[in-house]
Protein backbone atom coordinates (compact mmCIF):
# COMPACT_ATOMS: atom_id res chain seq x y z
CA MET A 1 -18.69 -23.20 12.97
CA SER A 2 -18.92 -20.13 15.22
CA ASP A 3 -21.53 -17.17 15.52
CA ASP A 4 -19.23 -14.71 14.14
CA HIS A 5 -18.70 -17.25 10.96
CA THR A 6 -22.75 -17.97 10.70
CA HIS A 7 -23.57 -13.96 10.98
CA VAL A 8 -20.90 -13.11 7.98
CA GLN A 9 -22.37 -16.26 5.70
CA GLU A 10 -26.37 -14.84 6.26
CA PHE A 11 -25.34 -11.43 5.69
CA PHE A 12 -23.27 -11.73 2.83
CA GLY A 13 -25.41 -14.26 1.51
CA ALA A 14 -28.78 -12.57 1.54
CA ARG A 15 -27.08 -9.61 -0.64
CA ALA A 16 -24.77 -11.77 -2.69
CA ALA A 17 -26.70 -11.58 -5.97
CA ASP A 18 -27.12 -8.11 -6.58
CA TRP A 19 -23.92 -7.17 -4.88
CA ASP A 20 -22.57 -5.65 -7.54
CA ALA A 21 -25.76 -4.08 -9.00
CA ARG A 22 -25.25 -2.05 -5.68
CA PHE A 23 -21.71 -1.04 -6.40
CA PRO A 24 -21.51 -0.57 -10.14
CA ASP A 25 -18.97 1.77 -10.03
CA ASP A 26 -16.28 0.33 -7.89
CA GLY A 27 -14.50 -1.28 -10.73
CA PRO A 28 -11.51 1.75 -11.17
CA ALA A 29 -11.08 1.61 -7.33
CA TYR A 30 -9.94 -1.98 -7.21
CA ALA A 31 -8.25 -1.23 -10.16
CA ALA A 32 -6.21 1.15 -8.75
CA ALA A 33 -5.51 -0.47 -5.70
CA VAL A 34 -4.36 -3.25 -6.83
CA ALA A 35 -1.75 -1.16 -9.07
CA GLU A 36 -0.29 0.26 -5.83
CA LEU A 37 0.60 -3.55 -4.55
CA GLY A 38 3.14 -3.14 -6.93
CA LEU A 39 2.51 -7.12 -8.48
CA ARG A 40 5.15 -8.43 -10.64
CA GLU A 41 4.35 -10.92 -13.24
CA GLY A 42 4.40 -14.51 -11.81
CA ASP A 43 3.41 -13.41 -8.42
CA ARG A 44 1.17 -15.47 -6.48
CA VAL A 45 -1.74 -13.58 -5.05
CA LEU A 46 -4.41 -13.96 -2.63
CA ASP A 47 -7.93 -11.93 -2.70
CA ALA A 48 -9.07 -12.87 1.27
CA GLY A 49 -12.53 -12.25 1.24
CA CYS A 50 -13.16 -12.06 -2.26
CA GLY A 51 -16.95 -11.82 -2.05
CA THR A 52 -18.10 -11.56 -6.18
CA GLY A 53 -14.21 -11.37 -6.86
CA ARG A 54 -13.96 -7.69 -8.47
CA ALA A 55 -10.45 -8.03 -7.79
CA LEU A 56 -9.36 -11.14 -9.22
CA THR A 57 -9.74 -9.69 -12.85
CA PRO A 58 -7.30 -6.58 -12.04
CA LEU A 59 -4.84 -9.12 -10.19
CA ARG A 60 -4.72 -11.73 -12.87
CA ALA A 61 -3.84 -8.35 -15.27
CA ALA A 62 -0.99 -7.61 -12.89
CA VAL A 63 0.21 -11.07 -12.28
CA GLY A 64 -0.09 -12.46 -15.85
CA PRO A 65 -0.86 -15.90 -16.95
CA SER A 66 2.07 -17.33 -15.07
CA GLY A 67 0.81 -16.02 -11.68
CA ALA A 68 -1.45 -17.70 -9.09
CA VAL A 69 -4.96 -15.55 -8.24
CA LEU A 70 -6.68 -17.14 -5.78
CA GLY A 71 -9.91 -15.80 -3.90
CA ALA A 72 -10.87 -17.32 -0.86
CA ASP A 73 -14.42 -16.55 0.79
CA LEU A 74 -16.49 -17.79 3.54
CA THR A 75 -19.70 -17.33 1.83
CA PRO A 76 -21.10 -19.93 -0.66
CA ALA A 77 -23.48 -17.44 -2.41
CA MET A 78 -20.85 -14.73 -3.03
CA LEU A 79 -18.65 -17.34 -4.75
CA GLN A 80 -21.51 -18.54 -6.63
CA ALA A 81 -21.74 -14.96 -7.90
CA ALA A 82 -18.08 -14.54 -8.58
CA VAL A 83 -19.15 -17.62 -11.06
CA ARG A 84 -21.97 -16.45 -12.39
CA ALA A 85 -20.10 -12.88 -13.23
CA GLY A 86 -17.15 -15.13 -14.63
CA ARG A 87 -14.58 -13.88 -12.54
CA ASP A 88 -13.35 -17.73 -11.75
CA ARG A 89 -11.62 -17.71 -14.80
CA ASP A 90 -9.25 -14.66 -13.84
CA GLY A 91 -8.39 -17.09 -10.15
CA GLN A 92 -9.04 -20.22 -8.85
CA LEU A 93 -12.18 -19.91 -5.96
CA LEU A 94 -11.63 -21.65 -2.68
CA LEU A 95 -14.60 -21.78 0.25
CA ALA A 96 -12.42 -20.90 3.24
CA ASP A 97 -12.30 -19.14 6.08
CA VAL A 98 -9.27 -16.35 6.11
CA ALA A 99 -8.39 -17.46 10.03
CA ALA A 100 -7.49 -21.22 8.65
CA LEU A 101 -6.62 -20.76 4.91
CA PRO A 102 -5.54 -24.26 3.10
CA LEU A 103 -2.29 -22.71 2.16
CA ARG A 104 1.39 -23.83 2.93
CA SER A 105 3.15 -21.26 4.88
CA GLY A 106 5.02 -18.60 2.84
CA SER A 107 3.70 -19.36 -0.19
CA LEU A 108 2.28 -16.18 -1.62
CA ASP A 109 3.87 -12.62 -2.54
CA ALA A 110 0.52 -10.57 -1.53
CA VAL A 111 -2.84 -10.50 0.23
CA PHE A 112 -5.21 -8.20 -1.05
CA GLY A 113 -8.35 -7.49 0.90
CA ALA A 114 -11.45 -5.64 0.28
CA GLY A 115 -13.83 -5.02 3.31
CA LEU A 116 -11.93 -7.48 4.76
CA ILE A 117 -11.13 -6.11 8.69
CA SER A 118 -14.40 -4.90 9.60
CA HIS A 119 -15.55 -8.54 9.10
CA LEU A 120 -12.82 -10.48 10.94
CA PRO A 121 -14.04 -12.26 14.28
CA ASP A 122 -10.40 -12.12 15.70
CA PRO A 123 -8.35 -9.42 13.76
CA ALA A 124 -5.07 -9.91 15.47
CA GLU A 125 -5.67 -13.44 14.81
CA ASN A 126 -6.90 -13.31 11.46
CA LEU A 127 -3.65 -11.00 10.47
CA ARG A 128 -1.19 -13.14 12.01
CA GLU A 129 -2.86 -16.07 9.46
CA LEU A 130 -2.67 -13.99 6.51
CA ALA A 131 1.03 -13.22 7.34
CA ARG A 132 1.70 -16.96 7.35
CA VAL A 133 1.10 -17.83 4.20
CA VAL A 134 2.81 -14.79 2.65
CA ARG A 135 6.62 -14.92 2.26
CA PRO A 136 8.73 -12.33 4.47
CA GLY A 137 8.63 -8.71 2.44
CA GLY A 138 5.34 -9.51 0.94
CA ILE A 139 2.83 -7.19 0.63
CA LEU A 140 -0.76 -7.03 2.44
CA ALA A 141 -3.04 -4.35 1.01
CA LEU A 142 -6.58 -3.47 3.26
CA PHE A 143 -8.97 -1.64 1.00
CA HIS A 144 -12.42 -0.38 0.82
CA PRO A 145 -13.75 1.76 -2.27
CA ILE A 146 -14.97 4.45 -0.03
CA GLY A 147 -12.99 5.97 2.83
CA ARG A 148 -14.08 5.79 6.31
CA ALA A 149 -16.51 9.10 6.56
CA ALA A 150 -18.03 8.31 3.45
CA LEU A 151 -18.94 4.76 4.64
CA ALA A 152 -20.33 5.61 7.90
CA ALA A 153 -22.11 8.34 6.36
CA ARG A 154 -23.41 5.74 3.59
CA GLN A 155 -24.22 3.47 6.82
CA GLY A 156 -26.15 6.19 8.72
CA ARG A 157 -23.69 6.58 11.59
CA GLN A 158 -20.46 8.23 13.31
CA ILE A 159 -16.87 7.28 13.02
CA THR A 160 -15.70 6.41 16.00
CA PRO A 161 -12.60 6.13 18.07
CA GLU A 162 -12.87 2.18 18.47
CA ASP A 163 -13.12 1.71 14.66
CA LEU A 164 -10.44 -0.93 13.52
CA ARG A 165 -9.66 1.03 10.50
CA ALA A 166 -7.93 4.23 12.19
CA GLU A 167 -4.52 4.80 11.83
CA PRO A 168 -3.66 5.23 15.90
CA ASN A 169 -5.59 1.28 16.15
CA LEU A 170 -4.70 -0.23 12.68
CA ARG A 171 -0.90 0.19 12.95
CA PRO A 172 -0.25 -1.43 16.06
CA LEU A 173 -2.87 -4.16 15.15
CA LEU A 174 -0.66 -5.28 12.22
CA ALA A 175 2.74 -4.73 13.87
CA GLY A 176 1.35 -7.12 16.66
CA SER A 177 0.35 -9.54 13.73
CA GLY A 178 3.64 -9.61 12.02
CA TRP A 179 2.58 -6.64 9.32
CA ARG A 180 4.60 -3.29 9.27
CA MET A 181 2.77 -0.35 7.58
CA THR A 182 4.18 1.31 5.00
CA SER A 183 1.52 3.81 3.59
CA TYR A 184 -2.18 4.92 5.02
CA VAL A 185 -4.83 6.60 2.85
CA ASP A 186 -8.43 7.06 4.17
CA GLU A 187 -9.99 9.82 1.44
CA ASP A 188 -13.97 10.13 0.63
CA ALA A 189 -13.03 8.37 -2.45
CA ARG A 190 -10.82 5.09 -1.04
CA PHE A 191 -9.29 3.62 1.87
CA LEU A 192 -6.10 2.05 1.24
CA THR A 193 -3.35 0.51 4.07
CA LEU A 194 -0.27 -1.22 2.52
CA ALA A 195 1.95 -3.63 4.98
CA VAL A 196 5.29 -5.23 4.37
CA ARG A 197 5.13 -8.86 6.00
CA GLU A 198 7.79 -8.79 8.51
CA VAL A 199 10.91 -11.03 8.31
């Protein structure tokens, strides 16, 4: 396992048990972001880096009983927290790395990634892997329940020009990874970028 993976597992593993309690008011923001994906009954969607599975319930509501909802995370403790919260009823949980997903090419209609991009060890390559598993025309949502400035303030730091989530950085990163950005929102209340899988 790479040092990046070990760091991610240690960071999130230590925080998994009380993760939901630390962010109790995020539910409506997750539901609103999922609604903007435009999922339909029967669609197949992956929550990449699902953590405790906070997006699984709105994703299941969007695709209905005939759809498929998968939640993949690298940290066993986060998946265990998702099970304790009962969110495994809304989607199938996979202990998996988004850099090498155990999914067929083109098998999904959409990918939802909350707080994902800043934890990817090789963002361009990892976004290409997400593009691989999504059909042409499928959707990617990169989401955070607060915007870049609010998150930086919470963490006691400043936004830097190198921030991957800044639009001038993210747009070409997505384009080089098989995605075309279709919308970009960075407000105090949320960060949401939508992109379409190129043909």
